[in-house]
Amino acid sequence: MKSSQLIAWEIHHPPRMILEPAPPDRTWMDQTDGRHAYRCLPLVIANQAGWILRSPTAFSVRWNGGPRRQDLRLGFPRGRKDQRICSHFGAGILTIGMPYLFRTPPGVNLWVKGPANLIKDGIQPLEGVVETDWSEFTFTMNWKCTRPNCRIRFDEGEPICMIVPVPRGLAESLEPACLPLASNRKLHKSYHAWEESRIGFNQALAREDDAVVAQGWQRDYMLGRDGAGRPFPGHQTKLHLRSFRGAERSAIRGQGSEVRGQTKVTS
């Protein structure tokens, strides 16, 4: 295995669970006024900072609020039941088995989570960090129902899991410190120059100043430049993750590159 390889070993073939780079788009972001949500670059980068797995079938889940496994009921279209989607732990937890055994380079874990910034009403993705550079065991993706007696629907092709590589020990290797900003004269000066600029811009926006309204928003962070206009050479506005070679290709019509399939909840 190469030091840069991320391998998804197929436990069964075909795995029938599409694995692909996470796209930047989200339906709810499309629906914000003027698609303003896409002006938040950290949000957009987080959307695509890993790979997603898509549901192999449509299904619904309803939890009655009880602790037992049978207190969570699943519904599938006729003939489309998938045994990997089940109630395994109880406590209103939906469990989805992964058809891959992942292997990361030495010292790299996988953060297993819900698709970033994909909001689902009535259910919450649970997160875990797995040592995938040595483990010979698979993991599951789990979602916790948060509201009893609601039917929550997942669409076929809807993202159900996101995997993000993280260096093991990175957080522990850092030496946290909390210091007064004034102790760093250069940074203190730069910050206050930005703060004054932001306050002035927002005040002009509130006055509906024509030039400021036409500008829309301040783009310094989006463009990767500091308050003096100097660009940062390592700035990213988009991630370019590689696809898994040999991975199953999407056969879902209309999926495109966007994350679609909003939660449908009924009482």
Protein backbone atom coordinates (compact mmCIF):
# COMPACT_ATOMS: atom_id res chain seq x y z
CA MET A 1 0.00 0.00 0.00
CA LYS A 2 1.34 3.41 -0.97
CA SER A 3 1.77 6.03 1.75
CA SER A 4 -0.84 8.23 0.05
CA GLN A 5 -3.44 5.55 -0.69
CA LEU A 6 -6.95 5.42 0.73
CA ILE A 7 -8.40 2.02 -0.15
CA ALA A 8 -12.01 0.91 0.08
CA TRP A 9 -11.92 -2.89 -0.01
CA GLU A 10 -15.23 -4.20 -1.33
CA ILE A 11 -16.55 -6.80 1.11
CA HIS A 12 -19.24 -7.87 -1.35
CA HIS A 13 -19.41 -7.16 -5.07
CA PRO A 14 -21.13 -5.11 -6.18
CA PRO A 15 -21.36 -3.06 -2.98
CA ARG A 16 -24.47 -1.19 -4.22
CA MET A 17 -23.52 1.86 -2.16
CA ILE A 18 -22.04 4.67 -4.23
CA LEU A 19 -18.80 6.13 -2.86
CA GLU A 20 -17.68 9.45 -4.31
CA PRO A 21 -16.11 12.83 -3.46
CA ALA A 22 -18.51 15.02 -1.51
CA PRO A 23 -19.91 17.87 -3.65
CA PRO A 24 -20.07 21.52 -2.52
CA ASP A 25 -23.82 21.94 -3.17
CA ARG A 26 -26.68 21.64 -0.70
CA THR A 27 -30.37 22.07 -1.49
CA TRP A 28 -31.04 24.36 1.46
CA MET A 29 -28.10 26.55 0.43
CA ASP A 30 -29.54 26.81 -3.08
CA GLN A 31 -32.78 28.04 -1.51
CA THR A 32 -31.25 30.89 0.51
CA ASP A 33 -31.92 34.39 -0.80
CA GLY A 34 -29.65 34.88 -3.79
CA ARG A 35 -27.83 31.66 -2.80
CA HIS A 36 -26.10 33.79 -0.16
CA ALA A 37 -25.06 30.72 1.84
CA TYR A 38 -22.38 30.03 -0.78
CA ARG A 39 -20.67 33.26 0.21
CA CYS A 40 -19.50 31.47 3.36
CA LEU A 41 -16.36 29.79 2.06
CA PRO A 42 -15.68 27.76 5.26
CA LEU A 43 -19.17 26.24 4.87
CA VAL A 44 -18.57 25.34 1.23
CA ILE A 45 -15.13 23.84 1.95
CA ALA A 46 -16.57 21.72 4.77
CA ASN A 47 -19.25 20.42 2.40
CA GLN A 48 -16.63 18.82 0.16
CA ALA A 49 -13.92 17.88 2.70
CA GLY A 50 -14.32 14.11 2.34
CA TRP A 51 -16.15 11.34 0.51
CA ILE A 52 -19.83 10.46 0.78
CA LEU A 53 -21.70 7.17 0.57
CA ARG A 54 -25.18 7.20 -0.92
CA SER A 55 -28.15 5.12 0.17
CA PRO A 56 -28.70 2.03 -2.02
CA THR A 57 -32.47 2.25 -1.63
CA ALA A 58 -35.28 4.47 -0.44
CA PHE A 59 -36.54 3.75 3.07
CA SER A 60 -38.38 5.30 5.98
CA VAL A 61 -37.88 5.12 9.72
CA ARG A 62 -40.28 5.71 12.60
CA TRP A 63 -39.38 5.52 16.31
CA ASN A 64 -42.02 5.29 19.03
CA GLY A 65 -39.72 6.70 21.73
CA GLY A 66 -38.95 3.37 23.39
CA PRO A 67 -35.55 1.81 24.23
CA ARG A 68 -35.96 -1.53 22.44
CA ARG A 69 -34.71 -2.40 18.97
CA GLN A 70 -38.24 -3.15 17.83
CA ASP A 71 -39.32 0.34 18.88
CA LEU A 72 -37.76 1.59 15.65
CA ARG A 73 -39.64 0.51 12.53
CA LEU A 74 -38.27 0.57 9.00
CA GLY A 75 -40.21 0.70 5.76
CA PHE A 76 -38.90 -0.11 2.28
CA PRO A 77 -40.47 0.01 -1.18
CA ARG A 78 -41.77 -3.43 -2.15
CA GLY A 79 -38.89 -5.71 -3.05
CA ARG A 80 -36.20 -3.15 -2.15
CA LYS A 81 -35.37 -4.11 1.43
CA ASP A 82 -31.68 -3.85 2.31
CA GLN A 83 -30.51 -5.93 5.28
CA ARG A 84 -27.66 -3.50 5.97
CA ILE A 85 -30.20 -0.88 7.06
CA CYS A 86 -31.60 -1.96 10.41
CA SER A 87 -32.33 -1.31 14.08
CA HIS A 88 -29.37 -2.90 15.88
CA PHE A 89 -28.71 -0.95 19.08
CA GLY A 90 -32.15 0.20 20.21
CA ALA A 91 -32.68 3.64 21.77
CA GLY A 92 -34.04 4.99 18.49
CA ILE A 93 -30.75 4.43 16.63
CA LEU A 94 -30.79 3.63 12.92
CA THR A 95 -27.78 1.53 11.84
CA ILE A 96 -26.39 1.27 8.31
CA GLY A 97 -23.72 -1.33 7.57
CA MET A 98 -20.86 -0.31 5.31
CA PRO A 99 -19.97 -2.59 2.35
CA TYR A 100 -16.32 -1.51 2.46
CA LEU A 101 -13.32 -2.19 4.68
CA PHE A 102 -11.32 1.04 4.58
CA ARG A 103 -7.56 1.25 4.85
CA THR A 104 -5.75 4.56 5.34
CA PRO A 105 -2.02 5.40 5.34
CA PRO A 106 -0.14 4.89 8.64
CA GLY A 107 -1.16 7.38 11.31
CA VAL A 108 -4.36 8.45 9.53
CA ASN A 109 -7.84 7.84 11.01
CA LEU A 110 -11.22 8.20 9.36
CA TRP A 111 -13.77 10.55 10.89
CA VAL A 112 -17.09 8.83 10.13
CA LYS A 113 -19.96 11.31 10.23
CA GLY A 114 -23.08 12.60 8.57
CA PRO A 115 -22.68 14.58 5.33
CA ALA A 116 -21.47 18.04 6.34
CA ASN A 117 -24.19 20.70 6.54
CA LEU A 118 -26.90 18.36 5.26
CA ILE A 119 -29.78 19.04 7.64
CA LYS A 120 -32.33 16.35 8.47
CA ASP A 121 -35.33 17.07 10.64
CA GLY A 122 -36.10 14.49 13.32
CA ILE A 123 -32.85 12.55 13.13
CA GLN A 124 -29.20 13.30 13.95
CA PRO A 125 -26.09 11.59 12.50
CA LEU A 126 -23.73 10.15 15.09
CA GLU A 127 -19.98 10.53 14.58
CA GLY A 128 -17.01 8.31 15.27
CA VAL A 129 -13.26 8.29 14.67
CA VAL A 130 -11.86 4.95 13.50
CA GLU A 131 -8.22 3.82 13.32
CA THR A 132 -8.45 2.54 9.77
CA ASP A 133 -4.70 2.18 9.22
CA TRP A 134 -4.64 -1.13 11.11
CA SER A 135 -8.19 -2.23 11.96
CA GLU A 136 -9.47 -5.36 10.25
CA PHE A 137 -13.00 -4.61 11.39
CA THR A 138 -15.79 -2.80 9.60
CA PHE A 139 -17.78 0.04 11.12
CA THR A 140 -21.39 1.17 10.84
CA MET A 141 -22.98 4.54 10.22
CA ASN A 142 -25.57 5.41 12.86
CA TRP A 143 -28.32 8.01 13.07
CA LYS A 144 -30.20 8.86 16.29
CA CYS A 145 -33.90 9.68 16.03
CA THR A 146 -34.67 12.83 17.99
CA ARG A 147 -38.44 13.00 17.72
CA PRO A 148 -40.80 10.09 18.47
CA ASN A 149 -43.74 9.14 16.27
CA CYS A 150 -42.48 10.83 13.12
CA ARG A 151 -41.90 9.11 9.80
CA ILE A 152 -38.54 10.15 8.36
CA ARG A 153 -37.78 9.29 4.76
CA PHE A 154 -34.42 8.74 3.09
CA ASP A 155 -34.34 8.81 -0.71
CA GLU A 156 -32.41 6.42 -2.91
CA GLY A 157 -29.07 8.02 -3.66
CA GLU A 158 -29.27 10.36 -0.68
CA PRO A 159 -25.95 10.79 1.17
CA ILE A 160 -26.02 8.76 4.39
CA CYS A 161 -22.38 8.90 5.49
CA MET A 162 -19.26 11.00 5.04
CA ILE A 163 -15.66 9.90 5.69
CA VAL A 164 -12.95 12.46 6.41
CA PRO A 165 -9.25 11.57 6.91
CA VAL A 166 -7.67 13.02 10.06
CA PRO A 167 -4.07 12.59 11.27
CA ARG A 168 -4.01 10.58 14.49
CA GLY A 169 -2.58 12.51 17.41
CA LEU A 170 -2.76 15.92 15.73
CA ALA A 171 -5.07 17.50 18.31
CA GLU A 172 -3.01 16.02 21.16
CA SER A 173 0.22 17.34 19.66
CA LEU A 174 -0.95 20.95 19.77
CA GLU A 175 -0.12 23.23 22.68
CA PRO A 176 -3.22 25.36 23.33
CA ALA A 177 -2.72 28.88 24.65
CA CYS A 178 -5.14 31.74 25.32
CA LEU A 179 -3.42 35.14 25.07
CA PRO A 180 -4.58 38.77 24.90
CA LEU A 181 -4.69 39.97 21.30
CA ALA A 182 -2.95 43.20 22.32
CA SER A 183 0.20 41.19 23.11
CA ASN A 184 0.67 40.67 19.36
CA ARG A 185 0.96 44.23 18.07
CA LYS A 186 0.95 43.37 14.37
CA LEU A 187 -2.05 41.05 14.55
CA HIS A 188 -3.86 43.42 16.92
CA LYS A 189 -3.47 46.27 14.42
CA SER A 190 -4.57 44.14 11.47
CA TYR A 191 -7.62 42.82 13.30
CA HIS A 192 -8.85 46.26 14.32
CA ALA A 193 -8.35 47.59 10.80
CA TRP A 194 -10.55 44.72 9.55
CA GLU A 195 -13.08 45.31 12.34
CA GLU A 196 -13.44 49.00 11.45
CA SER A 197 -13.79 48.10 7.78
CA ARG A 198 -16.50 45.51 8.53
CA ILE A 199 -18.45 47.89 10.78
CA GLY A 200 -18.29 50.64 8.17
CA PHE A 201 -19.35 48.25 5.42
CA ASN A 202 -22.35 46.95 7.41
CA GLN A 203 -23.44 50.49 8.28
CA ALA A 204 -23.27 51.50 4.62
CA LEU A 205 -25.21 48.37 3.70
CA ALA A 206 -27.91 49.31 6.24
CA ARG A 207 -28.08 52.80 4.65
CA GLU A 208 -28.47 51.09 1.26
CA ASP A 209 -25.43 52.85 -0.11
CA ASP A 210 -25.49 52.11 -3.85
CA ALA A 211 -21.81 51.20 -4.17
CA VAL A 212 -21.87 48.89 -1.15
CA VAL A 213 -25.15 47.25 -2.16
CA ALA A 214 -23.66 46.60 -5.61
CA GLN A 215 -20.59 45.05 -3.96
CA GLY A 216 -22.81 42.70 -1.96
CA TRP A 217 -20.29 41.53 0.61
CA GLN A 218 -16.64 41.86 1.51
CA ARG A 219 -14.66 39.18 -0.28
CA ASP A 220 -11.28 39.35 1.46
CA TYR A 221 -11.50 35.89 3.00
CA MET A 222 -13.10 34.43 -0.12
CA LEU A 223 -10.19 35.78 -2.17
CA GLY A 224 -7.59 34.77 0.42
CA ARG A 225 -6.16 38.20 1.06
CA ASP A 226 -5.45 40.04 4.30
CA GLY A 227 -6.65 43.50 5.28
CA ALA A 228 -3.82 45.09 3.32
CA GLY A 229 -4.82 43.20 0.18
CA ARG A 230 -1.90 40.76 0.29
CA PRO A 231 -2.85 37.27 -1.02
CA PHE A 232 -2.13 34.11 0.95
CA PRO A 233 -0.47 31.61 -1.43
CA GLY A 234 -1.98 28.47 0.12
CA HIS A 235 -5.59 29.69 0.10
CA GLN A 236 -8.26 27.22 -1.10
CA THR A 237 -11.61 28.07 -2.60
CA LYS A 238 -12.41 24.54 -3.76
CA LEU A 239 -11.20 21.05 -2.94
CA HIS A 240 -10.26 18.55 -5.62
CA LEU A 241 -10.66 15.10 -4.10
CA ARG A 242 -9.95 12.14 -6.33
CA SER A 243 -12.57 9.51 -7.06
CA PHE A 244 -12.03 5.95 -5.90
CA ARG A 245 -10.59 4.02 -8.85
CA GLY A 246 -12.92 1.19 -9.79
CA ALA A 247 -15.68 2.53 -7.55
CA GLU A 248 -19.29 1.93 -8.43
CA ARG A 249 -20.60 4.70 -10.68
CA SER A 250 -23.88 6.45 -10.03
CA ALA A 251 -26.84 5.11 -11.99
CA ILE A 252 -29.27 7.47 -10.31
CA ARG A 253 -30.89 9.81 -12.77
CA GLY A 254 -30.79 13.48 -11.90
CA GLN A 255 -28.22 13.19 -9.11
CA GLY A 256 -25.59 15.26 -10.90
CA SER A 257 -22.96 16.60 -8.53
CA GLU A 258 -25.25 18.06 -5.93
CA VAL A 259 -26.42 16.66 -2.63
CA ARG A 260 -30.14 16.20 -3.10
CA GLY A 261 -32.92 14.43 -1.24
CA GLN A 262 -34.20 16.50 1.67
CA THR A 263 -35.71 14.84 4.70
CA LYS A 264 -39.43 14.33 4.66
CA VAL A 265 -41.01 14.11 8.12
CA THR A 266 -44.64 13.43 8.86
CA SER A 267 -46.37 13.11 12.19
